[in-house]
C-alpha atoms as a PDB file:
ATOM      1  CA  ALA A   1      53.902  59.588 103.093  1.00  0.00           C
ATOM      2  CA  PHE A   2      55.902  63.040 103.345  1.00  0.00           C
ATOM      3  CA  GLU A   3      55.293  63.488 107.126  1.00  0.00           C
ATOM      4  CA  VAL A   4      56.101  59.877 108.055  1.00  0.00           C
ATOM      5  CA  GLY A   5      59.037  60.341 106.219  1.00  0.00           C
ATOM      6  CA  GLN A   6      60.254  63.283 108.145  1.00  0.00           C
ATOM      7  CA  LYS A   7      59.252  61.455 111.348  1.00  0.00           C
ATOM      8  CA  GLN A   8      61.365  58.786 110.833  1.00  0.00           C
ATOM      9  CA  GLY A   9      64.369  61.179 110.132  1.00  0.00           C
ATOM     10  CA  LYS A  10      64.369  61.171 106.522  1.00  0.00           C
ATOM     11  CA  THR A  11      65.276  63.689 104.041  1.00  0.00           C
ATOM     12  CA  CYS A  12      62.101  63.785 101.722  1.00  0.00           C
ATOM     13  CA  ILE A  13      61.404  65.656  98.926  1.00  0.00           C
ATOM     14  CA  ILE A  14      57.961  65.711  96.950  1.00  0.00           C
ATOM     15  CA  VAL A  15      57.580  64.148  92.962  1.00  0.00           C
ATOM     16  CA  LYS A  16      55.311  63.504  90.847  1.00  0.00           C
ATOM     17  CA  ASP A  17      53.528  59.871  90.825  1.00  0.00           C
ATOM     18  CA  VAL A  18      55.462  58.562  87.811  1.00  0.00           C
ATOM     19  CA  ALA A  19      57.052  54.988  87.172  1.00  0.00           C
ATOM     20  CA  GLY A  20      60.179  54.990  88.653  1.00  0.00           C
ATOM     21  CA  PHE A  21      59.562  58.440  90.855  1.00  0.00           C
ATOM     22  CA  PHE A  22      62.820  60.417  90.429  1.00  0.00           C
ATOM     23  CA  VAL A  23      65.613  58.551  91.932  1.00  0.00           C
ATOM     24  CA  ASN A  24      64.768  55.395  90.147  1.00  0.00           C
ATOM     25  CA  ARG A  25      63.657  56.976  86.891  1.00  0.00           C
ATOM     26  CA  CYS A  26      67.422  58.304  86.529  1.00  0.00           C
ATOM     27  CA  LEU A  27      69.055  55.189  87.936  1.00  0.00           C
ATOM     28  CA  GLY A  28      67.345  53.311  84.720  1.00  0.00           C
ATOM     29  CA  PRO A  29      68.825  55.000  82.018  1.00  0.00           C
ATOM     30  CA  TYR A  30      72.320  54.745  84.094  1.00  0.00           C
ATOM     31  CA  SER A  31      71.635  50.977  84.710  1.00  0.00           C
ATOM     32  CA  ASP A  32      70.524  50.292  81.162  1.00  0.00           C
ATOM     33  CA  GLU A  33      74.074  51.751  79.729  1.00  0.00           C
ATOM     34  CA  ALA A  34      75.655  49.563  82.403  1.00  0.00           C
ATOM     35  CA  MET A  35      74.246  46.766  80.512  1.00  0.00           C
ATOM     36  CA  VAL A  36      74.749  48.395  77.171  1.00  0.00           C
ATOM     37  CA  VAL A  37      78.625  48.620  77.504  1.00  0.00           C
ATOM     38  CA  LEU A  38      78.902  45.242  79.256  1.00  0.00           C
ATOM     39  CA  LEU A  39      77.089  43.521  75.793  1.00  0.00           C
ATOM     40  CA  GLU A  40      79.522  45.933  73.763  1.00  0.00           C
ATOM     41  CA  GLY A  41      82.568  44.078  75.865  1.00  0.00           C
ATOM     42  CA  ALA A  42      83.371  45.834  79.090  1.00  0.00           C
ATOM     43  CA  SER A  43      83.845  43.375  81.835  1.00  0.00           C
ATOM     44  CA  PRO A  44      81.490  43.758  84.837  1.00  0.00           C
ATOM     45  CA  SER A  45      84.909  44.545  87.038  1.00  0.00           C
ATOM     46  CA  ASP A  46      85.731  47.455  84.710  1.00  0.00           C
ATOM     47  CA  ILE A  47      82.222  48.818  84.669  1.00  0.00           C
ATOM     48  CA  ASP A  48      82.077  48.714  88.485  1.00  0.00           C
ATOM     49  CA  LYS A  49      85.729  50.136  88.733  1.00  0.00           C
ATOM     50  CA  ALA A  50      84.574  53.141  86.565  1.00  0.00           C
ATOM     51  CA  MET A  51      81.825  54.042  88.760  1.00  0.00           C
ATOM     52  CA  LEU A  52      83.505  53.213  91.954  1.00  0.00           C
ATOM     53  CA  ASP A  53      86.512  55.687  90.643  1.00  0.00           C
ATOM     54  CA  PHE A  54      84.020  58.164  89.771  1.00  0.00           C
ATOM     55  CA  GLY A  55      82.362  58.385  93.372  1.00  0.00           C
ATOM     56  CA  PHE A  56      79.549  56.139  93.464  1.00  0.00           C
ATOM     57  CA  PRO A  57      79.345  53.979  96.798  1.00  0.00           C
ATOM     58  CA  VAL A  58      78.655  50.725  94.703  1.00  0.00           C
ATOM     59  CA  GLY A  59      79.134  49.983  90.882  1.00  0.00           C
ATOM     60  CA  PRO A  60      75.943  49.148  89.033  1.00  0.00           C
ATOM     61  CA  ILE A  61      76.977  45.379  88.115  1.00  0.00           C
ATOM     62  CA  THR A  62      77.268  44.983  91.846  1.00  0.00           C
ATOM     63  CA  LEU A  63      74.114  46.877  92.534  1.00  0.00           C
ATOM     64  CA  ALA A  64      72.203  44.760  90.261  1.00  0.00           C
ATOM     65  CA  ASP A  65      73.457  41.665  91.950  1.00  0.00           C
ATOM     66  CA  GLN A  66      72.795  43.342  95.278  1.00  0.00           C
ATOM     67  CA  VAL A  67      68.630  44.655  94.422  1.00  0.00           C
ATOM     68  CA  GLY A  68      68.344  40.795  92.550  1.00  0.00           C
ATOM     69  CA  ILE A  69      68.455  40.399  88.458  1.00  0.00           C
ATOM     70  CA  GLU A  70      64.663  39.431  88.794  1.00  0.00           C
ATOM     71  CA  THR A  71      64.015  42.849  90.232  1.00  0.00           C
ATOM     72  CA  ALA A  72      66.286  44.572  88.239  1.00  0.00           C
ATOM     73  CA  ALA A  73      64.835  43.022  84.869  1.00  0.00           C
ATOM     74  CA  SER A  74      61.434  43.500  86.260  1.00  0.00           C
ATOM     75  CA  VAL A  75      62.060  47.502  86.658  1.00  0.00           C
ATOM     76  CA  GLY A  76      63.912  47.721  83.488  1.00  0.00           C
ATOM     77  CA  LYS A  77      61.003  46.590  81.582  1.00  0.00           C
ATOM     78  CA  THR A  78      58.353  48.836  83.662  1.00  0.00           C
ATOM     79  CA  LEU A  79      60.632  51.836  82.586  1.00  0.00           C
ATOM     80  CA  LYS A  80      60.986  50.928  79.220  1.00  0.00           C
ATOM     81  CA  SER A  81      57.134  50.893  78.455  1.00  0.00           C
ATOM     82  CA  GLU A  82      57.172  54.349  79.725  1.00  0.00           C
ATOM     83  CA  LEU A  83      60.267  55.933  78.805  1.00  0.00           C
ATOM     84  CA  GLY A  84      60.937  53.694  75.640  1.00  0.00           C
ATOM     85  CA  VAL A  85      64.602  54.180  74.019  1.00  0.00           C
ATOM     86  CA  ARG A  86      65.863  56.154  77.037  1.00  0.00           C
ATOM     87  CA  VAL A  87      65.741  53.135  78.993  1.00  0.00           C
ATOM     88  CA  GLY A  88      65.369  50.481  76.678  1.00  0.00           C
ATOM     89  CA  VAL A  89      68.480  49.754  74.425  1.00  0.00           C
ATOM     90  CA  ALA A  90      70.262  46.652  76.457  1.00  0.00           C
ATOM     91  CA  ASP A  91      68.642  43.319  75.297  1.00  0.00           C
ATOM     92  CA  PRO A  92      66.768  42.251  77.714  1.00  0.00           C
ATOM     93  CA  ALA A  93      66.964  38.704  76.658  1.00  0.00           C
ATOM     94  CA  PHE A  94      70.244  38.587  78.523  1.00  0.00           C
ATOM     95  CA  MET A  95      69.235  39.231  81.996  1.00  0.00           C
ATOM     96  CA  ASP A  96      66.009  36.919  80.965  1.00  0.00           C
ATOM     97  CA  ALA A  97      68.779  34.235  80.502  1.00  0.00           C
ATOM     98  CA  MET A  98      70.574  34.629  83.550  1.00  0.00           C
ATOM     99  CA  ILE A  99      67.521  34.460  85.363  1.00  0.00           C
ATOM    100  CA  ALA A 100      66.679  31.044  83.346  1.00  0.00           C
ATOM    101  CA  ALA A 101      69.970  30.055  84.520  1.00  0.00           C
ATOM    102  CA  GLY A 102      69.546  30.567  88.063  1.00  0.00           C
ATOM    103  CA  TYR A 103      71.742  33.632  88.611  1.00  0.00           C
ATOM    104  CA  LEU A 104      69.700  35.662  90.528  1.00  0.00           C
ATOM    105  CA  GLY A 105      72.258  37.642  92.082  1.00  0.00           C
ATOM    106  CA  LYS A 106      73.120  37.820  95.587  1.00  0.00           C
ATOM    107  CA  LYS A 107      70.079  36.050  97.129  1.00  0.00           C
ATOM    108  CA  SER A 108      70.952  33.067  95.058  1.00  0.00           C
ATOM    109  CA  GLY A 109      74.799  33.031  95.617  1.00  0.00           C
ATOM    110  CA  LYS A 110      75.184  33.864  92.046  1.00  0.00           C
ATOM    111  CA  GLY A 111      74.564  36.716  89.674  1.00  0.00           C
ATOM    112  CA  PHE A 112      77.204  38.339  87.803  1.00  0.00           C
ATOM    113  CA  PHE A 113      79.416  37.790  90.549  1.00  0.00           C
ATOM    114  CA  VAL A 114      79.941  34.763  93.223  1.00  0.00           C
ATOM    115  CA  HIS A 115      78.471  35.536  96.588  1.00  0.00           C
ATOM    116  CA  ASP A 116      79.650  32.822  98.815  1.00  0.00           C
ATOM    117  CA  GLY A 117      78.909  35.055 102.107  1.00  0.00           C
ATOM    118  CA  ALA A 118      82.655  35.062 103.333  1.00  0.00           C
ATOM    119  CA  LYS A 119      83.458  38.693 104.997  1.00  0.00           C
ATOM    120  CA  GLY A 120      85.981  40.605 103.193  1.00  0.00           C
ATOM    121  CA  SER A 121      86.661  37.873 100.619  1.00  0.00           C
ATOM    122  CA  ALA A 122      87.540  39.155  96.858  1.00  0.00           C
ATOM    123  CA  ARG A 123      84.642  38.842  94.337  1.00  0.00           C
ATOM    124  CA  THR A 124      85.226  36.698  91.231  1.00  0.00           C
ATOM    125  CA  LEU A 125      83.285  36.696  88.404  1.00  0.00           C
ATOM    126  CA  ASN A 126      80.368  33.958  88.044  1.00  0.00           C
ATOM    127  CA  PRO A 127      82.121  31.329  85.819  1.00  0.00           C
ATOM    128  CA  GLY A 128      78.984  30.895  84.025  1.00  0.00           C
ATOM    129  CA  MET A 129      78.652  34.340  82.953  1.00  0.00           C
ATOM    130  CA  GLU A 130      81.579  33.810  80.413  1.00  0.00           C
ATOM    131  CA  LYS A 131      78.913  31.468  78.126  1.00  0.00           C
ATOM    132  CA  LEU A 132      76.010  34.129  78.753  1.00  0.00           C
ATOM    133  CA  LEU A 133      78.217  36.925  77.618  1.00  0.00           C
ATOM    134  CA  LYS A 134      79.761  34.973  74.556  1.00  0.00           C
ATOM    135  CA  GLU A 135      76.315  34.291  73.479  1.00  0.00           C
ATOM    136  CA  TYR A 136      74.901  37.617  73.744  1.00  0.00           C
ATOM    137  CA  ARG A 137      77.915  40.187  73.476  1.00  0.00           C
ATOM    138  CA  LYS A 138      78.270  42.239  70.174  1.00  0.00           C
ATOM    139  CA  SER A 139      82.021  42.419  70.419  1.00  0.00           C
ATOM    140  CA  GLU A 140      84.811  41.684  72.464  1.00  0.00           C
ATOM    141  CA  LYS A 141      86.320  44.827  72.770  1.00  0.00           C
ATOM    142  CA  ARG A 142      87.569  46.755  75.610  1.00  0.00           C
ATOM    143  CA  ILE A 143      85.853  50.057  76.572  1.00  0.00           C
ATOM    144  CA  ASN A 144      88.114  52.775  78.434  1.00  0.00           C
ATOM    145  CA  LEU A 145      86.939  53.430  81.922  1.00  0.00           C
ATOM    146  CA  PHE A 146      86.188  57.306  81.046  1.00  0.00           C
ATOM    147  CA  THR A 147      84.130  56.483  78.270  1.00  0.00           C
ATOM    148  CA  ILE A 148      82.267  54.168  80.429  1.00  0.00           C
ATOM    149  CA  GLN A 149      81.974  56.836  83.178  1.00  0.00           C
ATOM    150  CA  ASP A 150      80.823  59.302  80.529  1.00  0.00           C
ATOM    151  CA  ARG A 151      78.080  57.401  79.059  1.00  0.00           C
ATOM    152  CA  LEU A 152      76.776  56.131  82.191  1.00  0.00           C
ATOM    153  CA  THR A 153      76.710  59.672  83.869  1.00  0.00           C
ATOM    154  CA  LEU A 154      75.429  61.346  80.982  1.00  0.00           C
ATOM    155  CA  ARG A 155      72.306  59.066  80.874  1.00  0.00           C
ATOM    156  CA  PHE A 156      71.653  59.761  84.546  1.00  0.00           C
ATOM    157  CA  LEU A 157      72.092  63.608  83.886  1.00  0.00           C
ATOM    158  CA  ASN A 158      69.895  63.863  81.156  1.00  0.00           C
ATOM    159  CA  GLU A 159      66.955  61.993  82.636  1.00  0.00           C
ATOM    160  CA  ALA A 160      67.200  64.212  85.712  1.00  0.00           C
ATOM    161  CA  ALA A 161      66.902  67.220  83.365  1.00  0.00           C
ATOM    162  CA  LEU A 162      64.037  65.621  81.867  1.00  0.00           C
ATOM    163  CA  CYS A 163      62.424  65.019  85.343  1.00  0.00           C
ATOM    164  CA  LEU A 164      63.048  68.710  86.115  1.00  0.00           C
ATOM    165  CA  GLN A 165      61.784  69.697  82.740  1.00  0.00           C
ATOM    166  CA  ASP A 166      58.699  67.580  83.241  1.00  0.00           C
ATOM    167  CA  ASP A 167      57.740  68.896  86.724  1.00  0.00           C
ATOM    168  CA  ILE A 168      58.334  65.222  88.273  1.00  0.00           C
ATOM    169  CA  VAL A 169      60.871  66.935  90.470  1.00  0.00           C
ATOM    170  CA  ARG A 170      60.094  70.648  91.979  1.00  0.00           C
ATOM    171  CA  SER A 171      63.869  71.798  91.633  1.00  0.00           C
ATOM    172  CA  ALA A 172      67.402  71.490  90.695  1.00  0.00           C
ATOM    173  CA  THR A 173      68.553  71.546  94.390  1.00  0.00           C
ATOM    174  CA  GLU A 174      65.921  68.745  95.674  1.00  0.00           C
ATOM    175  CA  ALA A 175      67.402  66.646  92.463  1.00  0.00           C
ATOM    176  CA  ASP A 176      70.360  66.891  93.774  1.00  0.00           C
ATOM    177  CA  ILE A 177      69.693  66.628  97.267  1.00  0.00           C
ATOM    178  CA  ALA A 178      67.548  63.326  96.182  1.00  0.00           C
ATOM    179  CA  SER A 179      70.316  62.100  94.003  1.00  0.00           C
ATOM    180  CA  VAL A 180      73.117  62.233  96.737  1.00  0.00           C
ATOM    181  CA  PHE A 181      71.131  61.042  99.379  1.00  0.00           C
ATOM    182  CA  GLY A 182      68.549  58.527  97.784  1.00  0.00           C
ATOM    183  CA  ILE A 183      71.055  56.464  95.733  1.00  0.00           C
ATOM    184  CA  GLY A 184      75.098  57.749  96.458  1.00  0.00           C
ATOM    185  CA  PHE A 185      75.678  60.144  93.521  1.00  0.00           C
ATOM    186  CA  PRO A 186      78.860  61.116  94.486  1.00  0.00           C
ATOM    187  CA  PRO A 187      78.290  63.919  97.293  1.00  0.00           C
ATOM    188  CA  PHE A 188      81.316  65.838  96.754  1.00  0.00           C
ATOM    189  CA  ILE A 189      80.050  66.505  93.158  1.00  0.00           C
ATOM    190  CA  GLY A 190      76.960  67.958  95.108  1.00  0.00           C
ATOM    191  CA  GLY A 191      74.349  65.866  92.611  1.00  0.00           C
ATOM    192  CA  PRO A 192      73.326  66.058  88.851  1.00  0.00           C
ATOM    193  CA  PHE A 193      72.774  69.691  88.584  1.00  0.00           C
ATOM    194  CA  ARG A 194      75.741  70.974  90.619  1.00  0.00           C
ATOM    195  CA  TYR A 195      77.894  68.485  88.034  1.00  0.00           C
ATOM    196  CA  ILE A 196      75.913  70.059  84.649  1.00  0.00           C
ATOM    197  CA  ASP A 197      76.983  73.518  86.214  1.00  0.00           C
ATOM    198  CA  ALA A 198      80.272  72.440  86.984  1.00  0.00           C
ATOM    199  CA  MET A 199      80.896  71.357  83.309  1.00  0.00           C
ATOM    200  CA  GLY A 200      78.641  73.714  81.700  1.00  0.00           C
ATOM    201  CA  ALA A 201      75.517  72.875  80.136  1.00  0.00           C
ATOM    202  CA  GLN A 202      77.270  73.407  76.466  1.00  0.00           C
ATOM    203  CA  LYS A 203      79.972  70.715  77.151  1.00  0.00           C
ATOM    204  CA  VAL A 204      77.204  68.441  78.559  1.00  0.00           C
ATOM    205  CA  VAL A 205      75.586  69.036  75.325  1.00  0.00           C
ATOM    206  CA  ASP A 206      78.235  68.629  73.034  1.00  0.00           C
ATOM    207  CA  LEU A 207      79.360  65.259  74.715  1.00  0.00           C
ATOM    208  CA  MET A 208      75.573  63.950  74.483  1.00  0.00           C
ATOM    209  CA  GLN A 209      75.346  64.639  70.750  1.00  0.00           C
ATOM    210  CA  HIS A 210      78.966  63.173  70.304  1.00  0.00           C
ATOM    211  CA  TYR A 211      77.510  59.669  71.707  1.00  0.00           C
ATOM    212  CA  ARG A 212      74.136  60.169  70.308  1.00  0.00           C
ATOM    213  CA  ASP A 213      75.945  59.944  66.693  1.00  0.00           C
ATOM    214  CA  LYS A 214      77.876  57.029  67.810  1.00  0.00           C
ATOM    215  CA  HIS A 215      75.137  55.247  69.676  1.00  0.00           C
ATOM    216  CA  GLY A 216      72.036  56.602  69.191  1.00  0.00           C
ATOM    217  CA  GLU A 217      68.873  58.453  70.297  1.00  0.00           C
ATOM    218  CA  GLN A 218      69.253  57.542  74.116  1.00  0.00           C
ATOM    219  CA  PHE A 219      71.690  60.349  74.211  1.00  0.00           C
ATOM    220  CA  THR A 220      69.534  62.914  72.836  1.00  0.00           C
ATOM    221  CA  PRO A 221      69.915  65.863  75.013  1.00  0.00           C
ATOM    222  CA  ALA A 222      66.757  67.140  76.917  1.00  0.00           C
ATOM    223  CA  PRO A 223      65.531  70.516  75.469  1.00  0.00           C
ATOM    224  CA  ILE A 224      66.051  71.898  78.822  1.00  0.00           C
ATOM    225  CA  LEU A 225      69.753  70.961  78.387  1.00  0.00           C
ATOM    226  CA  MET A 226      69.740  72.560  75.104  1.00  0.00           C
ATOM    227  CA  ASP A 227      68.057  75.747  76.322  1.00  0.00           C
ATOM    228  CA  HIS A 228      70.573  76.222  79.184  1.00  0.00           C
ATOM    229  CA  ALA A 229      73.370  75.571  76.940  1.00  0.00           C
ATOM    230  CA  LYS A 230      72.240  78.037  74.258  1.00  0.00           C
ATOM    231  CA  ALA A 231      71.535  80.799  77.009  1.00  0.00           C
ATOM    232  CA  GLY A 232      74.723  79.664  78.789  1.00  0.00           C
ATOM    233  CA  LYS A 233      72.686  79.486  82.076  1.00  0.00           C
ATOM    234  CA  LYS A 234      73.132  77.521  85.339  1.00  0.00           C
ATOM    235  CA  PHE A 235      70.774  75.411  87.128  1.00  0.00           C
ATOM    236  CA  HIS A 236      72.148  76.795  90.472  1.00  0.00           C
ATOM    237  CA  PRO A 237      72.534  80.728  89.421  1.00  0.00           C
ATOM    238  CA  LYS A 238      74.165  81.622  92.893  1.00  0.00           C
END
């Protein structure tokens, strides 16, 4: 598979054969947190805007519509069976209700947003989502865009760290390459491990512990992050 990818001109890395491999394994907790903040009261548009402002090429809500709600729900359940709380915090019944209502994403014309196929047209929220959100939301509070960025990004960073710790990916460099080229992690940041190094592992750990105390065990810092914070180490020493 590696050789085939190279012949196709792709940038390839070798990872362990586990659920989600590397990129989707990290994207799972990130997407899960997007659903968590949605059900806490953040609007789909605010969640997308927060991550677009951070530098991702597409917001997580739009991404779910593009991938397809059935696919997104299936991947989430598969990852939850292996990763538990690391990816299974959002209520899966919400996406099940979307599927039952026929809101399957771009392919059906409606998901979180209405997709009318007109180029350049502004996306509008699917009117039917208002009813579903009222049924499944825990609150109607507005969440600060920077908080959304923190929560989604930290869960991506933590899973990337766990993948490195568990030898799912061979190095921080390869993890950064896969994240940038595979899902569009903001290239000007350089990847999850360049971002951790820029922030400092201690600051990442402190933020995760802050959100763990407020929101739960899904924000428990990976042991490798704790070790780097304690030793003042970087993932890219040079």
